[in-house]
N, C-alpha and C. Protein backbone atom coordinates (compact mmCIF):
# COMPACT_ATOMS: atom_id res chain seq x y z
N MET A 1 20.78 27.37 11.75
CA MET A 1 20.17 26.55 10.66
C MET A 1 19.14 25.75 10.73
N ALA A 2 18.72 25.93 10.07
CA ALA A 2 17.39 24.47 10.15
C ALA A 2 18.25 22.76 10.14
N LYS A 3 17.30 22.04 11.03
CA LYS A 3 17.25 20.95 11.45
C LYS A 3 16.34 20.51 10.28
N TYR A 4 17.05 18.61 10.42
CA TYR A 4 15.80 18.31 9.34
C TYR A 4 15.97 16.45 9.95
N SER A 5 15.28 16.15 9.73
CA SER A 5 14.84 14.73 10.00
C SER A 5 16.11 13.82 9.16
N THR A 6 16.65 12.47 9.57
CA THR A 6 17.57 12.03 9.30
C THR A 6 16.29 10.64 9.04
N SER A 7 15.27 10.27 8.85
CA SER A 7 13.83 9.31 9.16
C SER A 7 14.16 9.64 7.34
N ARG A 8 14.71 7.45 6.55
CA ARG A 8 14.22 7.37 5.41
C ARG A 8 12.74 7.11 5.13
N THR A 9 12.44 7.89 3.93
CA THR A 9 11.02 7.95 3.25
C THR A 9 10.94 6.72 2.78
N GLY A 10 9.48 6.63 3.00
CA GLY A 10 9.09 5.36 2.61
C GLY A 10 9.54 3.81 3.35
N ARG A 11 10.81 3.77 4.08
CA ARG A 11 11.24 2.70 5.25
C ARG A 11 10.36 2.42 6.14
N LEU A 12 9.40 1.08 5.90
CA LEU A 12 9.22 0.71 7.26
C LEU A 12 10.16 -0.28 7.99
N SER A 13 9.80 -0.15 9.30
CA SER A 13 10.59 -1.53 10.19
C SER A 13 9.89 -3.10 9.53
N LEU A 14 10.73 -4.16 9.65
CA LEU A 14 10.49 -5.38 9.30
C LEU A 14 9.38 -5.63 10.32
N GLY A 15 8.37 -6.38 9.94
CA GLY A 15 7.56 -6.99 10.85
C GLY A 15 5.61 -6.84 9.91
N VAL A 16 5.16 -7.25 10.49
CA VAL A 16 3.10 -7.45 10.33
C VAL A 16 3.46 -5.80 10.32
N HIS A 17 2.61 -5.31 9.40
CA HIS A 17 1.87 -3.76 9.37
C HIS A 17 0.43 -3.60 8.87
N THR A 18 -0.34 -2.78 8.88
CA THR A 18 -1.60 -3.06 8.34
C THR A 18 -1.40 -1.52 7.48
N LEU A 19 -1.82 -2.07 6.19
CA LEU A 19 -1.46 -1.42 5.58
C LEU A 19 -2.86 -0.88 4.57
N ARG A 20 -3.15 0.46 4.24
CA ARG A 20 -4.06 0.87 2.89
C ARG A 20 -3.76 0.95 2.00
N ILE A 21 -4.50 0.23 1.22
CA ILE A 21 -4.33 0.82 -0.60
C ILE A 21 -5.02 2.50 -1.35
N THR A 22 -3.79 2.93 -1.36
CA THR A 22 -4.22 4.21 -2.44
C THR A 22 -3.75 4.94 -3.20
N ASP A 23 -3.58 3.63 -4.16
CA ASP A 23 -3.62 3.79 -5.82
C ASP A 23 -3.27 2.93 -6.45
N VAL A 24 -4.22 2.69 -7.67
CA VAL A 24 -3.26 1.07 -8.24
C VAL A 24 -2.90 2.68 -9.77
N LYS A 25 -2.39 1.45 -10.10
CA LYS A 25 -1.87 1.82 -11.50
C LYS A 25 -1.80 0.51 -12.65
N GLU A 26 -2.29 0.69 -13.77
CA GLU A 26 -2.55 -0.48 -14.99
C GLU A 26 -1.31 -0.28 -15.85
N GLN A 27 -0.47 -1.49 -16.26
CA GLN A 27 0.63 -1.36 -17.31
C GLN A 27 1.13 -2.32 -17.78
N ASP A 28 1.74 -2.37 -18.70
CA ASP A 28 2.33 -3.61 -18.64
C ASP A 28 3.94 -3.97 -18.58
N SER A 29 3.63 -5.56 -17.79
CA SER A 29 4.91 -5.85 -17.99
C SER A 29 6.51 -5.92 -18.39
N ALA A 30 7.23 -5.51 -18.46
CA ALA A 30 8.56 -5.68 -19.14
C ALA A 30 8.29 -7.30 -20.27
N ALA A 31 7.28 -8.29 -19.83
CA ALA A 31 7.30 -9.48 -20.76
C ALA A 31 6.16 -9.25 -21.62
N GLY A 32 5.25 -7.87 -21.29
CA GLY A 32 4.20 -8.03 -21.92
C GLY A 32 2.89 -8.67 -21.52
N ASP A 33 2.95 -8.92 -20.32
CA ASP A 33 1.39 -8.84 -19.19
C ASP A 33 0.68 -8.09 -18.56
N PRO A 34 0.09 -7.95 -18.76
CA PRO A 34 -1.03 -7.21 -17.82
C PRO A 34 -0.66 -6.41 -16.85
N MET A 35 -0.57 -5.79 -16.14
CA MET A 35 -0.23 -6.44 -14.66
C MET A 35 -0.48 -4.89 -13.72
N ALA A 36 -0.31 -4.84 -12.66
CA ALA A 36 -1.06 -3.27 -11.72
C ALA A 36 0.63 -3.24 -10.74
N VAL A 37 -0.20 -1.56 -10.92
CA VAL A 37 1.04 -1.20 -9.68
C VAL A 37 0.90 -0.53 -8.41
N TRP A 38 0.16 -1.53 -6.85
CA TRP A 38 0.09 -0.69 -6.10
C TRP A 38 0.76 -0.33 -5.26
N SER A 39 0.32 1.08 -4.46
CA SER A 39 0.64 2.04 -3.41
C SER A 39 0.06 1.91 -2.60
N PHE A 40 0.66 1.86 -1.97
CA PHE A 40 0.49 1.46 -0.27
C PHE A 40 0.61 2.26 0.71
N GLU A 41 -0.23 3.03 2.24
CA GLU A 41 -0.16 3.71 3.21
C GLU A 41 0.38 2.82 4.35
N CYS A 42 0.87 2.94 5.57
CA CYS A 42 0.88 2.78 6.62
C CYS A 42 -0.15 2.91 7.39
N VAL A 43 -1.33 2.31 7.86
CA VAL A 43 -2.04 3.00 8.70
C VAL A 43 -1.80 2.14 10.28
N ASP A 44 -0.70 1.48 10.54
CA ASP A 44 -0.78 1.25 12.21
C ASP A 44 -0.40 2.78 12.97
N GLU A 45 -1.02 2.21 14.76
CA GLU A 45 -0.64 3.72 15.11
C GLU A 45 0.51 3.45 15.72
N GLY A 46 0.86 4.86 15.52
CA GLY A 46 2.67 5.34 16.41
C GLY A 46 3.86 6.01 14.80
N PRO A 47 4.73 5.55 14.96
CA PRO A 47 5.30 6.62 14.38
C PRO A 47 5.48 6.49 12.94
N GLU A 48 5.00 5.07 12.76
CA GLU A 48 5.33 4.89 11.21
C GLU A 48 4.20 5.13 10.10
N TYR A 49 2.81 5.77 11.47
CA TYR A 49 1.74 5.53 10.70
C TYR A 49 2.04 6.71 9.33
N GLY A 50 1.60 6.89 7.83
CA GLY A 50 1.20 6.96 6.73
C GLY A 50 2.84 6.92 5.96
N ALA A 51 3.62 5.84 6.37
CA ALA A 51 4.96 5.95 5.68
C ALA A 51 4.07 4.46 5.03
N SER A 52 5.36 4.79 3.62
CA SER A 52 4.44 3.90 2.27
C SER A 52 5.49 2.94 1.82
N PRO A 53 5.77 1.43 1.94
CA PRO A 53 6.90 0.71 1.30
C PRO A 53 6.62 0.77 -0.04
N GLN A 54 7.53 0.16 -0.87
CA GLN A 54 7.80 0.35 -2.15
C GLN A 54 6.74 -0.42 -2.82
N PRO A 55 6.54 0.12 -3.92
CA PRO A 55 4.97 -0.11 -4.25
C PRO A 55 4.86 -1.54 -5.19
N LEU A 56 4.10 -2.38 -5.00
CA LEU A 56 4.23 -3.45 -5.05
C LEU A 56 3.41 -4.35 -6.68
N PHE A 57 4.23 -5.07 -7.51
CA PHE A 57 3.87 -4.76 -8.54
C PHE A 57 3.24 -6.72 -8.91
N THR A 58 2.17 -6.54 -9.02
CA THR A 58 1.27 -7.96 -9.51
C THR A 58 0.66 -7.89 -10.77
N VAL A 59 1.51 -9.11 -11.24
CA VAL A 59 0.99 -9.65 -12.91
C VAL A 59 -0.16 -9.94 -12.73
N LEU A 60 -1.71 -9.48 -13.97
CA LEU A 60 -3.30 -10.10 -13.56
C LEU A 60 -3.58 -11.07 -14.08
N GLU A 61 -2.70 -11.76 -15.09
CA GLU A 61 -3.24 -12.83 -16.19
C GLU A 61 -1.61 -13.68 -15.86
N GLY A 62 -2.69 -15.58 -15.82
CA GLY A 62 -1.61 -16.24 -16.35
C GLY A 62 -0.83 -16.68 -15.36
N SER A 63 0.14 -17.05 -14.87
CA SER A 63 0.56 -18.39 -14.05
C SER A 63 1.57 -17.66 -13.15
N LYS A 64 1.55 -16.30 -13.75
CA LYS A 64 2.52 -15.26 -12.76
C LYS A 64 1.51 -14.50 -12.03
N ARG A 65 0.95 -14.80 -11.85
CA ARG A 65 -0.47 -13.75 -11.23
C ARG A 65 -0.58 -13.73 -9.16
N TRP A 66 0.58 -15.19 -8.90
CA TRP A 66 0.54 -15.08 -7.33
C TRP A 66 0.16 -14.29 -6.90
N LYS A 67 1.10 -13.01 -6.50
CA LYS A 67 0.61 -12.05 -5.67
C LYS A 67 -0.64 -11.40 -6.31
N TRP A 68 -1.21 -11.43 -6.62
CA TRP A 68 -2.30 -10.40 -7.49
C TRP A 68 -3.70 -11.48 -6.97
N ASP A 69 -3.01 -13.02 -7.05
CA ASP A 69 -4.21 -14.26 -6.43
C ASP A 69 -4.00 -13.56 -5.03
N GLN A 70 -2.58 -13.45 -4.05
CA GLN A 70 -3.07 -13.14 -2.88
C GLN A 70 -3.35 -11.93 -1.90
N LEU A 71 -3.09 -10.34 -2.72
CA LEU A 71 -4.03 -9.66 -2.71
C LEU A 71 -5.51 -10.18 -2.70
N LEU A 72 -6.20 -10.61 -3.90
CA LEU A 72 -7.64 -10.46 -3.69
C LEU A 72 -7.84 -11.50 -1.91
N ASP A 73 -7.06 -12.92 -1.85
CA ASP A 73 -7.29 -13.28 -0.61
C ASP A 73 -7.40 -12.62 0.36
N ALA A 74 -5.61 -11.61 0.92
CA ALA A 74 -5.85 -10.66 1.75
C ALA A 74 -7.08 -9.55 2.14
N LEU A 75 -7.55 -9.13 0.57
CA LEU A 75 -9.24 -8.18 0.73
C LEU A 75 -10.51 -9.44 0.56
N GLN A 76 -10.10 -10.08 0.90
CA GLN A 76 -11.14 -11.34 0.93
C GLN A 76 -12.19 -11.13 -0.24
N VAL A 77 -11.81 -10.67 -1.75
CA VAL A 77 -12.69 -10.33 -2.48
C VAL A 77 -12.61 -11.57 -2.94
N PRO A 78 -14.87 -12.02 -3.58
CA PRO A 78 -15.31 -13.46 -3.66
C PRO A 78 -14.14 -14.19 -5.05
N GLU A 79 -14.22 -15.21 -5.09
CA GLU A 79 -14.10 -15.34 -6.99
C GLU A 79 -15.26 -15.34 -7.65
N GLY A 80 -14.59 -15.70 -9.25
CA GLY A 80 -15.19 -15.63 -10.18
C GLY A 80 -16.22 -14.38 -10.88
N GLN A 81 -15.64 -13.04 -10.36
CA GLN A 81 -16.69 -12.43 -10.47
C GLN A 81 -15.35 -11.47 -11.14
N GLU A 82 -15.37 -10.43 -12.29
CA GLU A 82 -15.06 -9.26 -12.44
C GLU A 82 -14.63 -7.90 -12.06
N ILE A 83 -13.81 -7.26 -11.37
CA ILE A 83 -14.25 -5.73 -10.89
C ILE A 83 -12.76 -4.90 -11.47
N GLU A 84 -13.44 -3.88 -10.99
CA GLU A 84 -12.23 -2.67 -11.91
C GLU A 84 -11.18 -2.63 -10.43
N LEU A 85 -10.00 -2.69 -10.89
CA LEU A 85 -8.70 -2.22 -10.00
C LEU A 85 -9.38 -1.12 -8.75
N THR A 86 -9.64 -0.32 -10.04
CA THR A 86 -9.52 0.72 -8.62
C THR A 86 -10.67 0.48 -7.59
N SER A 87 -11.53 -0.42 -7.67
CA SER A 87 -12.82 -0.23 -6.68
C SER A 87 -11.94 -0.58 -5.33
N LEU A 88 -10.58 -1.48 -5.55
CA LEU A 88 -9.66 -2.02 -4.31
C LEU A 88 -9.33 -0.49 -3.28
N ILE A 89 -9.04 0.56 -3.41
CA ILE A 89 -8.36 1.63 -3.58
C ILE A 89 -9.36 1.69 -2.04
N ASP A 90 -8.09 1.97 -0.95
CA ASP A 90 -8.80 2.18 0.49
C ASP A 90 -9.14 0.35 1.16
N GLY A 91 -8.46 -0.59 0.03
CA GLY A 91 -8.84 -1.81 1.09
C GLY A 91 -7.37 -2.01 2.03
N ILE A 92 -8.04 -2.49 3.21
CA ILE A 92 -6.95 -2.20 3.92
C ILE A 92 -6.39 -3.95 4.31
N ILE A 93 -5.10 -4.59 4.32
CA ILE A 93 -4.85 -5.77 4.40
C ILE A 93 -3.93 -5.36 5.76
N GLU A 94 -3.33 -6.96 6.07
CA GLU A 94 -2.00 -6.75 6.60
C GLU A 94 -1.20 -7.33 5.84
N ALA A 95 0.24 -6.68 6.13
CA ALA A 95 1.15 -7.86 5.41
C ALA A 95 2.11 -7.37 6.19
N GLU A 96 3.25 -8.24 5.71
CA GLU A 96 5.28 -8.78 6.47
C GLU A 96 5.47 -7.38 5.19
N ILE A 97 6.10 -6.76 5.88
CA ILE A 97 7.64 -6.04 5.41
C ILE A 97 8.79 -6.54 5.48
N ILE A 98 9.35 -7.56 4.26
CA ILE A 98 10.24 -7.72 4.05
C ILE A 98 11.54 -6.35 3.75
N ALA A 99 12.90 -6.23 4.61
CA ALA A 99 13.93 -5.49 3.47
C ALA A 99 14.37 -6.14 1.67
N ASP A 100 14.68 -5.63 0.83
CA ASP A 100 15.14 -5.75 -0.11
C ASP A 100 16.07 -4.70 -0.82
N GLU A 101 16.92 -5.51 -1.23
CA GLU A 101 18.06 -4.31 -1.65
C GLU A 101 17.72 -4.22 -3.53
N TRP A 102 17.91 -3.13 -3.82
CA TRP A 102 17.92 -2.50 -5.45
C TRP A 102 19.21 -1.71 -4.82
N GLU A 103 20.26 -2.00 -6.32
CA GLU A 103 20.98 -1.25 -6.35
C GLU A 103 21.60 -0.01 -5.15
N GLY A 104 21.92 -1.56 -4.83
CA GLY A 104 23.04 -0.59 -3.29
C GLY A 104 21.60 -0.55 -2.51
N ARG A 105 20.64 -0.19 -2.24
CA ARG A 105 19.76 0.80 -1.20
C ARG A 105 19.23 -0.70 -1.12
N VAL A 106 18.93 -0.38 0.54
CA VAL A 106 17.98 -1.47 1.16
C VAL A 106 16.56 -0.07 1.04
N ARG A 107 15.75 -1.35 1.25
CA ARG A 107 14.10 -0.68 0.83
C ARG A 107 12.90 -1.57 1.35
N SER A 108 12.19 -0.83 1.81
CA SER A 108 11.45 -1.65 2.15
C SER A 108 9.91 -2.04 1.23
N VAL A 109 9.96 -4.05 1.75
CA VAL A 109 8.76 -4.13 0.68
C VAL A 109 7.09 -4.35 0.66
N VAL A 110 6.51 -4.99 0.56
CA VAL A 110 5.38 -5.80 1.17
C VAL A 110 5.62 -7.65 0.44
N GLY A 111 5.59 -8.05 1.46
CA GLY A 111 6.22 -9.48 1.26
C GLY A 111 4.26 -10.35 0.98
N THR A 112 4.64 -11.05 2.15
CA THR A 112 3.51 -12.00 2.59
C THR A 112 1.96 -11.28 3.06
N MET A 113 1.16 -11.38 1.91
CA MET A 113 -0.54 -10.45 2.52
C MET A 113 -1.27 -11.37 3.54
N MET A 114 -2.27 -10.69 4.45
CA MET A 114 -2.77 -11.31 4.47
C MET A 114 -4.44 -10.87 4.84
N VAL A 115 -5.53 -11.28 5.38
CA VAL A 115 -6.37 -10.39 5.87
C VAL A 115 -6.29 -9.92 7.68
N ALA A 116 -6.95 -8.71 7.70
CA ALA A 116 -6.70 -7.91 8.21
C ALA A 116 -7.90 -8.47 9.14
N THR A 117 -7.95 -8.37 10.42
CA THR A 117 -9.32 -8.67 11.51
C THR A 117 -10.15 -7.35 11.14
N ALA A 118 -11.35 -8.18 11.70
CA ALA A 118 -12.63 -7.23 11.47
C ALA A 118 -11.96 -5.77 12.44
N ALA A 119 -11.94 -6.05 13.66
CA ALA A 119 -11.39 -4.65 14.45
C ALA A 119 -10.25 -3.90 14.19
N VAL A 120 -9.40 -4.26 13.43
CA VAL A 120 -8.24 -3.48 13.00
C VAL A 120 -8.97 -2.74 11.60
N VAL A 121 -10.33 -3.19 11.42
CA VAL A 121 -10.17 -2.80 9.58
C VAL A 121 -11.12 -1.46 10.69
N GLU A 122 -12.05 -1.89 11.34
CA GLU A 122 -12.67 -1.08 12.36
C GLU A 122 -12.08 0.35 12.65
N LYS A 123 -10.92 0.11 13.50
CA LYS A 123 -9.33 0.97 13.83
C LYS A 123 -9.33 1.94 13.15
N VAL A 124 -9.07 1.65 11.79
CA VAL A 124 -8.35 2.48 10.91
C VAL A 124 -9.20 3.20 10.02
N LYS A 125 -11.04 2.41 10.12
CA LYS A 125 -11.62 3.66 9.62
C LYS A 125 -12.33 4.73 10.50
N GLU A 126 -12.06 4.04 11.57
CA GLU A 126 -12.53 5.37 12.52
C GLU A 126 -11.62 6.62 12.68
N ARG A 127 -9.98 5.92 12.38
CA ARG A 127 -8.92 7.15 12.95
C ARG A 127 -9.23 8.10 11.30
N GLN A 128 -9.50 7.32 10.09
CA GLN A 128 -9.43 8.38 9.13
C GLN A 128 -10.79 8.77 8.93
N GLN A 129 -11.86 8.77 9.58
CA GLN A 129 -13.31 9.74 9.86
C GLN A 129 -12.68 11.12 10.75
N ALA A 130 -12.09 10.71 11.79
CA ALA A 130 -11.46 11.40 12.74
C ALA A 130 -10.49 12.48 12.22
N GLU A 131 -10.01 11.87 11.06
CA GLU A 131 -8.58 13.60 10.39
C GLU A 131 -9.78 13.56 8.91
N PRO A 132 -9.32 14.82 9.06
CA PRO A 132 -8.91 15.06 7.77
C PRO A 132 -8.56 14.29 6.27
N PRO A 133 -9.20 14.63 5.11
CA PRO A 133 -8.53 14.03 4.29
C PRO A 133 -7.27 14.37 3.90
N THR A 134 -5.89 14.56 2.90
CA THR A 134 -5.10 15.05 2.84
C THR A 134 -5.12 16.48 1.94
N ALA A 135 -6.15 15.37 0.46
CA ALA A 135 -6.40 16.60 -0.16
C ALA A 135 -6.83 17.33 0.10
N ALA A 136 -8.02 17.34 0.89
CA ALA A 136 -8.04 18.87 1.45
C ALA A 136 -7.72 19.95 2.08
N LEU A 137 -6.25 19.06 2.94
CA LEU A 137 -5.86 20.07 3.55
C LEU A 137 -4.83 20.82 2.53
N GLU A 138 -4.17 20.18 1.35
CA GLU A 138 -3.36 20.89 0.22
C GLU A 138 -4.29 21.62 -0.54
N GLU A 139 -5.30 21.64 -0.28
CA GLU A 139 -5.70 22.52 -1.67
C GLU A 139 -6.47 24.24 -0.25
N ASP A 140 -5.42 23.96 0.12
CA ASP A 140 -6.26 25.63 1.47
C ASP A 140 -4.87 26.39 1.58
N PHE A 141 -3.62 25.20 0.64
CA PHE A 141 -2.35 26.50 0.32
C PHE A 141 -2.09 27.05 -0.95
N ASP A 142 -2.04 28.26 -1.05
CA ASP A 142 -1.66 28.33 -2.03
C ASP A 142 0.21 28.28 -2.54
N ILE A 143 0.40 26.63 -3.08
CA ILE A 143 1.97 26.31 -3.48
C ILE A 143 2.69 26.55 -4.54
N PRO A 144 2.77 27.87 -4.78
CA PRO A 144 3.25 28.42 -6.42
C PRO A 144 4.59 26.51 -7.06
N PHE A 145 4.22 25.58 -6.41
CA PHE A 145 5.50 24.45 -7.52
C PHE A 145 4.76 23.95 -7.63
């Protein structure tokens, strides 16, 4: 009989991790405010490389946009300009991962976001250049599902 890993998908250890933005989707919040849903992957060296915290939801306008402001600060996006959200994909930040409980399950969520140092960003980019992109690997296989 085959053996399977008991690692929890998407669960990162608590503490500060280096994260890369992998995707963003625009939608409206329950209150009707424009919102973005951000996906990240952990790019720390070590066993948590590639793991993902829960998506981050940021309101983009009005008084509830504090998480959006914090993300912009962590990415060092200058004030006073208009950007497309997709331009922030591949951005690298440092983030505190905290535990949150939802419907009885503990999950890893992005807490405070901070600027990643230039040395950390450079190391991540070097590692990305040395690794083949995941999409290219998937194209090599004919998976029937």
